[in-house]
C-alpha atoms as a PDB file:
ATOM      1  CA  MET A   1       0.000   0.000   0.000  1.00  0.00           C
ATOM      2  CA  GLN A   2       1.207   3.462  -0.857  1.00  0.00           C
ATOM      3  CA  ALA A   3       0.762   6.434   1.464  1.00  0.00           C
ATOM      4  CA  GLU A   4       0.294   9.845  -0.015  1.00  0.00           C
ATOM      5  CA  PRO A   5       2.218  13.045   0.670  1.00  0.00           C
ATOM      6  CA  THR A   6      -0.066  15.949   1.422  1.00  0.00           C
ATOM      7  CA  GLY A   7       1.644  18.461  -0.813  1.00  0.00           C
ATOM      8  CA  SER A   8       4.490  19.990   1.202  1.00  0.00           C
ATOM      9  CA  ALA A   9       8.180  19.940   0.345  1.00  0.00           C
ATOM     10  CA  ASP A  10       9.079  17.745   3.341  1.00  0.00           C
ATOM     11  CA  PRO A  11       7.339  14.365   3.031  1.00  0.00           C
ATOM     12  CA  ALA A  12       8.423  13.357   6.547  1.00  0.00           C
ATOM     13  CA  CYS A  13       6.183  16.098   7.968  1.00  0.00           C
ATOM     14  CA  THR A  14       3.249  15.500   5.648  1.00  0.00           C
ATOM     15  CA  TYR A  15       3.095  11.721   5.294  1.00  0.00           C
ATOM     16  CA  LEU A  16      -0.511  10.533   5.220  1.00  0.00           C
ATOM     17  CA  PRO A  17      -0.854   6.804   5.874  1.00  0.00           C
ATOM     18  CA  SER A  18      -3.319   5.006   3.646  1.00  0.00           C
ATOM     19  CA  ALA A  19      -5.534   4.199   6.643  1.00  0.00           C
ATOM     20  CA  ALA A  20      -5.863   7.950   7.332  1.00  0.00           C
ATOM     21  CA  LEU A  21      -6.928   8.909   3.805  1.00  0.00           C
ATOM     22  CA  GLY A  22     -10.499   9.336   5.057  1.00  0.00           C
ATOM     23  CA  GLY A  23      -9.355  11.654   7.841  1.00  0.00           C
ATOM     24  CA  PRO A  24      -6.575  13.941   6.676  1.00  0.00           C
ATOM     25  CA  VAL A  25      -7.637  16.792   8.973  1.00  0.00           C
ATOM     26  CA  GLY A  26      -7.759  14.532  12.008  1.00  0.00           C
ATOM     27  CA  HIS A  27      -4.357  13.151  11.120  1.00  0.00           C
ATOM     28  CA  ALA A  28      -2.983  16.692  10.747  1.00  0.00           C
ATOM     29  CA  LEU A  29      -4.490  17.685  14.121  1.00  0.00           C
ATOM     30  CA  ALA A  30      -2.860  14.682  15.791  1.00  0.00           C
ATOM     31  CA  ARG A  31       0.530  15.537  14.272  1.00  0.00           C
ATOM     32  CA  VAL A  32       0.246  19.205  15.231  1.00  0.00           C
ATOM     33  CA  ALA A  33      -0.894  18.363  18.784  1.00  0.00           C
ATOM     34  CA  ARG A  34       2.043  15.978  19.211  1.00  0.00           C
ATOM     35  CA  LEU A  35       4.572  18.544  17.972  1.00  0.00           C
ATOM     36  CA  HIS A  36       2.998  21.296  20.087  1.00  0.00           C
ATOM     37  CA  ARG A  37       3.279  19.103  23.185  1.00  0.00           C
ATOM     38  CA  ILE A  38       6.940  18.365  22.399  1.00  0.00           C
ATOM     39  CA  ALA A  39       7.699  22.084  21.980  1.00  0.00           C
ATOM     40  CA  ALA A  40       5.799  22.945  25.165  1.00  0.00           C
ATOM     41  CA  GLY A  41       7.668  20.211  27.024  1.00  0.00           C
ATOM     42  CA  ARG A  42      11.020  21.674  26.046  1.00  0.00           C
ATOM     43  CA  LEU A  43      10.012  25.121  27.270  1.00  0.00           C
ATOM     44  CA  LEU A  44       8.493  23.820  30.501  1.00  0.00           C
ATOM     45  CA  ARG A  45      11.429  21.570  31.355  1.00  0.00           C
ATOM     46  CA  GLY A  46      13.521  24.725  31.314  1.00  0.00           C
ATOM     47  CA  LEU A  47      11.257  26.005  34.101  1.00  0.00           C
ATOM     48  CA  GLY A  48      11.569  22.799  36.116  1.00  0.00           C
ATOM     49  CA  ILE A  49       8.060  21.487  35.458  1.00  0.00           C
ATOM     50  CA  TYR A  50       6.616  18.760  33.248  1.00  0.00           C
ATOM     51  CA  PRO A  51       3.939  19.139  30.550  1.00  0.00           C
ATOM     52  CA  GLY A  52       0.510  19.127  32.151  1.00  0.00           C
ATOM     53  CA  GLN A  53       1.706  20.590  35.425  1.00  0.00           C
ATOM     54  CA  GLU A  54       1.292  24.072  34.000  1.00  0.00           C
ATOM     55  CA  PHE A  55      -2.445  23.392  33.527  1.00  0.00           C
ATOM     56  CA  VAL A  56      -2.734  22.435  37.199  1.00  0.00           C
ATOM     57  CA  MET A  57      -0.912  25.614  38.171  1.00  0.00           C
ATOM     58  CA  MET A  58      -3.006  27.759  35.794  1.00  0.00           C
ATOM     59  CA  CYS A  59      -6.139  26.432  37.460  1.00  0.00           C
ATOM     60  CA  LEU A  60      -4.792  27.137  40.942  1.00  0.00           C
ATOM     61  CA  TRP A  61      -3.536  30.609  40.048  1.00  0.00           C
ATOM     62  CA  ASP A  62      -6.939  31.563  38.639  1.00  0.00           C
ATOM     63  CA  ALA A  63      -9.229  29.761  41.091  1.00  0.00           C
ATOM     64  CA  GLY A  64      -7.355  30.024  44.355  1.00  0.00           C
ATOM     65  CA  PRO A  65      -7.592  27.134  46.826  1.00  0.00           C
ATOM     66  CA  VAL A  66      -9.723  24.267  45.497  1.00  0.00           C
ATOM     67  CA  ARG A  67     -10.525  20.780  46.634  1.00  0.00           C
ATOM     68  CA  GLN A  68      -8.277  18.218  45.053  1.00  0.00           C
ATOM     69  CA  ALA A  69     -11.319  16.398  43.608  1.00  0.00           C
ATOM     70  CA  GLU A  70     -12.476  19.621  41.913  1.00  0.00           C
ATOM     71  CA  LEU A  71      -8.977  20.225  40.549  1.00  0.00           C
ATOM     72  CA  ILE A  72      -8.945  16.720  39.061  1.00  0.00           C
ATOM     73  CA  LYS A  73     -12.246  17.462  37.300  1.00  0.00           C
ATOM     74  CA  ALA A  74     -11.051  20.862  36.110  1.00  0.00           C
ATOM     75  CA  VAL A  75      -7.878  19.537  34.476  1.00  0.00           C
ATOM     76  CA  ASP A  76      -9.683  16.411  33.227  1.00  0.00           C
ATOM     77  CA  LEU A  77      -6.880  13.988  34.060  1.00  0.00           C
ATOM     78  CA  ASP A  78      -6.684  10.661  35.867  1.00  0.00           C
ATOM     79  CA  PRO A  79      -6.709  11.152  39.663  1.00  0.00           C
ATOM     80  CA  SER A  80      -3.449   9.227  40.109  1.00  0.00           C
ATOM     81  CA  THR A  81      -1.769  11.450  37.494  1.00  0.00           C
ATOM     82  CA  VAL A  82      -2.911  14.618  39.270  1.00  0.00           C
ATOM     83  CA  THR A  83      -1.832  13.223  42.635  1.00  0.00           C
ATOM     84  CA  LYS A  84       1.665  12.542  41.262  1.00  0.00           C
ATOM     85  CA  MET A  85       1.773  16.034  39.702  1.00  0.00           C
ATOM     86  CA  LEU A  86       0.765  17.593  43.006  1.00  0.00           C
ATOM     87  CA  GLN A  87       3.427  15.633  44.877  1.00  0.00           C
ATOM     88  CA  ARG A  88       6.109  16.939  42.503  1.00  0.00           C
ATOM     89  CA  LEU A  89       4.738  20.500  42.555  1.00  0.00           C
ATOM     90  CA  GLU A  90       4.553  20.402  46.351  1.00  0.00           C
ATOM     91  CA  GLN A  91       8.153  19.153  46.606  1.00  0.00           C
ATOM     92  CA  ALA A  92       9.198  22.034  44.328  1.00  0.00           C
ATOM     93  CA  GLY A  93       7.384  24.499  46.604  1.00  0.00           C
ATOM     94  CA  HIS A  94       4.750  25.528  44.042  1.00  0.00           C
ATOM     95  CA  VAL A  95       1.661  24.120  45.784  1.00  0.00           C
ATOM     96  CA  ARG A  96       0.467  23.427  49.299  1.00  0.00           C
ATOM     97  CA  ARG A  97      -2.080  20.788  50.313  1.00  0.00           C
ATOM     98  CA  ARG A  98      -4.017  20.869  53.550  1.00  0.00           C
ATOM     99  CA  PRO A  99      -7.211  19.414  54.989  1.00  0.00           C
ATOM    100  CA  ASP A 100     -10.359  21.300  54.037  1.00  0.00           C
ATOM    101  CA  PRO A 101     -11.652  22.927  57.259  1.00  0.00           C
ATOM    102  CA  ASP A 102     -15.247  22.387  56.054  1.00  0.00           C
ATOM    103  CA  ASP A 103     -14.729  18.682  55.324  1.00  0.00           C
ATOM    104  CA  ARG A 104     -11.739  16.982  56.924  1.00  0.00           C
ATOM    105  CA  ARG A 105     -11.988  14.118  54.381  1.00  0.00           C
ATOM    106  CA  ALA A 106     -11.286  16.558  51.544  1.00  0.00           C
ATOM    107  CA  VAL A 107      -7.937  18.126  50.664  1.00  0.00           C
ATOM    108  CA  LEU A 108      -7.527  21.748  49.622  1.00  0.00           C
ATOM    109  CA  VAL A 109      -4.815  22.557  47.129  1.00  0.00           C
ATOM    110  CA  GLU A 110      -3.445  26.046  46.579  1.00  0.00           C
ATOM    111  CA  ALA A 111      -0.606  27.767  44.779  1.00  0.00           C
ATOM    112  CA  THR A 112       2.080  29.076  47.095  1.00  0.00           C
ATOM    113  CA  ASP A 113       3.380  32.618  47.123  1.00  0.00           C
ATOM    114  CA  ASP A 114       6.656  31.157  45.845  1.00  0.00           C
ATOM    115  CA  SER A 115       4.876  30.067  42.657  1.00  0.00           C
ATOM    116  CA  CYS A 116       4.402  33.701  41.540  1.00  0.00           C
ATOM    117  CA  ALA A 117       7.725  33.635  39.676  1.00  0.00           C
ATOM    118  CA  LEU A 118       6.653  30.408  37.994  1.00  0.00           C
ATOM    119  CA  HIS A 119       3.422  32.124  36.918  1.00  0.00           C
ATOM    120  CA  SER A 120       5.399  34.759  35.030  1.00  0.00           C
ATOM    121  CA  ASP A 121       7.686  32.143  33.514  1.00  0.00           C
ATOM    122  CA  VAL A 122       4.790  29.937  32.365  1.00  0.00           C
ATOM    123  CA  ARG A 123       3.036  32.935  30.855  1.00  0.00           C
ATOM    124  CA  ARG A 124       6.208  33.867  28.975  1.00  0.00           C
ATOM    125  CA  ALA A 125       6.716  30.243  27.828  1.00  0.00           C
ATOM    126  CA  TRP A 126       3.162  30.043  26.477  1.00  0.00           C
ATOM    127  CA  THR A 127       3.627  33.397  24.716  1.00  0.00           C
ATOM    128  CA  ASP A 128       6.869  32.159  23.141  1.00  0.00           C
ATOM    129  CA  LEU A 129       5.195  28.885  22.143  1.00  0.00           C
ATOM    130  CA  GLU A 130       2.300  30.802  20.572  1.00  0.00           C
ATOM    131  CA  ASP A 131       4.681  33.033  18.619  1.00  0.00           C
ATOM    132  CA  HIS A 132       6.696  30.042  17.401  1.00  0.00           C
ATOM    133  CA  THR A 133       3.608  27.979  16.573  1.00  0.00           C
ATOM    134  CA  LEU A 134       1.866  30.739  14.624  1.00  0.00           C
ATOM    135  CA  ALA A 135       4.913  32.311  12.985  1.00  0.00           C
ATOM    136  CA  GLY A 136       4.069  33.468   9.483  1.00  0.00           C
ATOM    137  CA  LEU A 137       0.333  33.754  10.126  1.00  0.00           C
ATOM    138  CA  GLU A 138      -1.262  37.161   9.838  1.00  0.00           C
ATOM    139  CA  PRO A 139      -3.413  38.396  12.770  1.00  0.00           C
ATOM    140  CA  ALA A 140      -6.600  37.663  10.804  1.00  0.00           C
ATOM    141  CA  GLU A 141      -5.371  34.122  10.072  1.00  0.00           C
ATOM    142  CA  ARG A 142      -4.611  33.580  13.761  1.00  0.00           C
ATOM    143  CA  GLU A 143      -8.131  34.700  14.678  1.00  0.00           C
ATOM    144  CA  GLU A 144      -9.633  32.449  12.017  1.00  0.00           C
ATOM    145  CA  LEU A 145      -7.595  29.474  13.189  1.00  0.00           C
ATOM    146  CA  ALA A 146      -8.719  30.054  16.799  1.00  0.00           C
ATOM    147  CA  ARG A 147     -12.340  30.354  15.630  1.00  0.00           C
ATOM    148  CA  LEU A 148     -12.166  27.141  13.605  1.00  0.00           C
ATOM    149  CA  LEU A 149     -10.437  25.208  16.375  1.00  0.00           C
ATOM    150  CA  ALA A 150     -13.166  26.337  18.804  1.00  0.00           C
ATOM    151  CA  LYS A 151     -15.749  24.847  16.429  1.00  0.00           C
ATOM    152  CA  VAL A 152     -13.776  21.611  16.191  1.00  0.00           C
ATOM    153  CA  GLU A 153     -13.511  21.494  19.988  1.00  0.00           C
ATOM    154  CA  ALA A 154     -17.274  22.030  20.342  1.00  0.00           C
ATOM    155  CA  ASN A 155     -17.920  19.175  17.890  1.00  0.00           C
ATOM    156  CA  LEU A 156     -15.635  16.871  19.832  1.00  0.00           C
ATOM    157  CA  CYS A 157     -17.240  17.908  23.130  1.00  0.00           C
ATOM    158  CA  ARG A 158     -20.669  17.028  21.797  1.00  0.00           C
ATOM    159  CA  GLU A 159     -19.336  13.695  20.556  1.00  0.00           C
ATOM    160  CA  ALA A 160     -17.632  12.939  23.871  1.00  0.00           C
ATOM    161  CA  GLY A 161     -20.717  14.012  25.790  1.00  0.00           C
ATOM    162  CA  ASP A 162     -18.561  15.321  28.599  1.00  0.00           C
ATOM    163  CA  CYS A 163     -16.380  18.376  28.394  1.00  0.00           C
ATOM    164  CA  PRO A 164     -14.362  19.953  31.154  1.00  0.00           C
ATOM    165  CA  GLY A 165     -15.209  23.398  32.496  1.00  0.00           C
ATOM    166  CA  PRO A 166     -15.035  26.663  30.621  1.00  0.00           C
ATOM    167  CA  ARG A 167     -12.153  27.283  28.240  1.00  0.00           C
END
């Protein structure tokens, strides 16, 4: 079986397997998401955190102290994954966990004051990633891409039947 290039000069970046011929956009989204995660990982490792941990921190910075169960729902990850992330973030001094005074069975998680520098660094990393990712696109093209991706996300949310909180 022969796969088809999708029309770019570098076939390694545009290879479309024969099984994906019915879904070239989905295949492109998967490739782009993978490369975006790799690029984000490189930037975040320079800050001493792993990919995904920045989403936990973003939630805590914006929401303030939250129950660990609510945080798990908000970031839409496996509870054991979030627990491991929180352990690492706590060891690094970025988060604090304590019993919820209203329900001793629950745990409150909050960003520490020491994480303020990380907030600035993560914001800068995401700005740099955005600039790198969208280099060569005009402002109107960037807006159109964001609009189209929001539609795609809404379609996938309807299909999944369960989407995390507001984006």
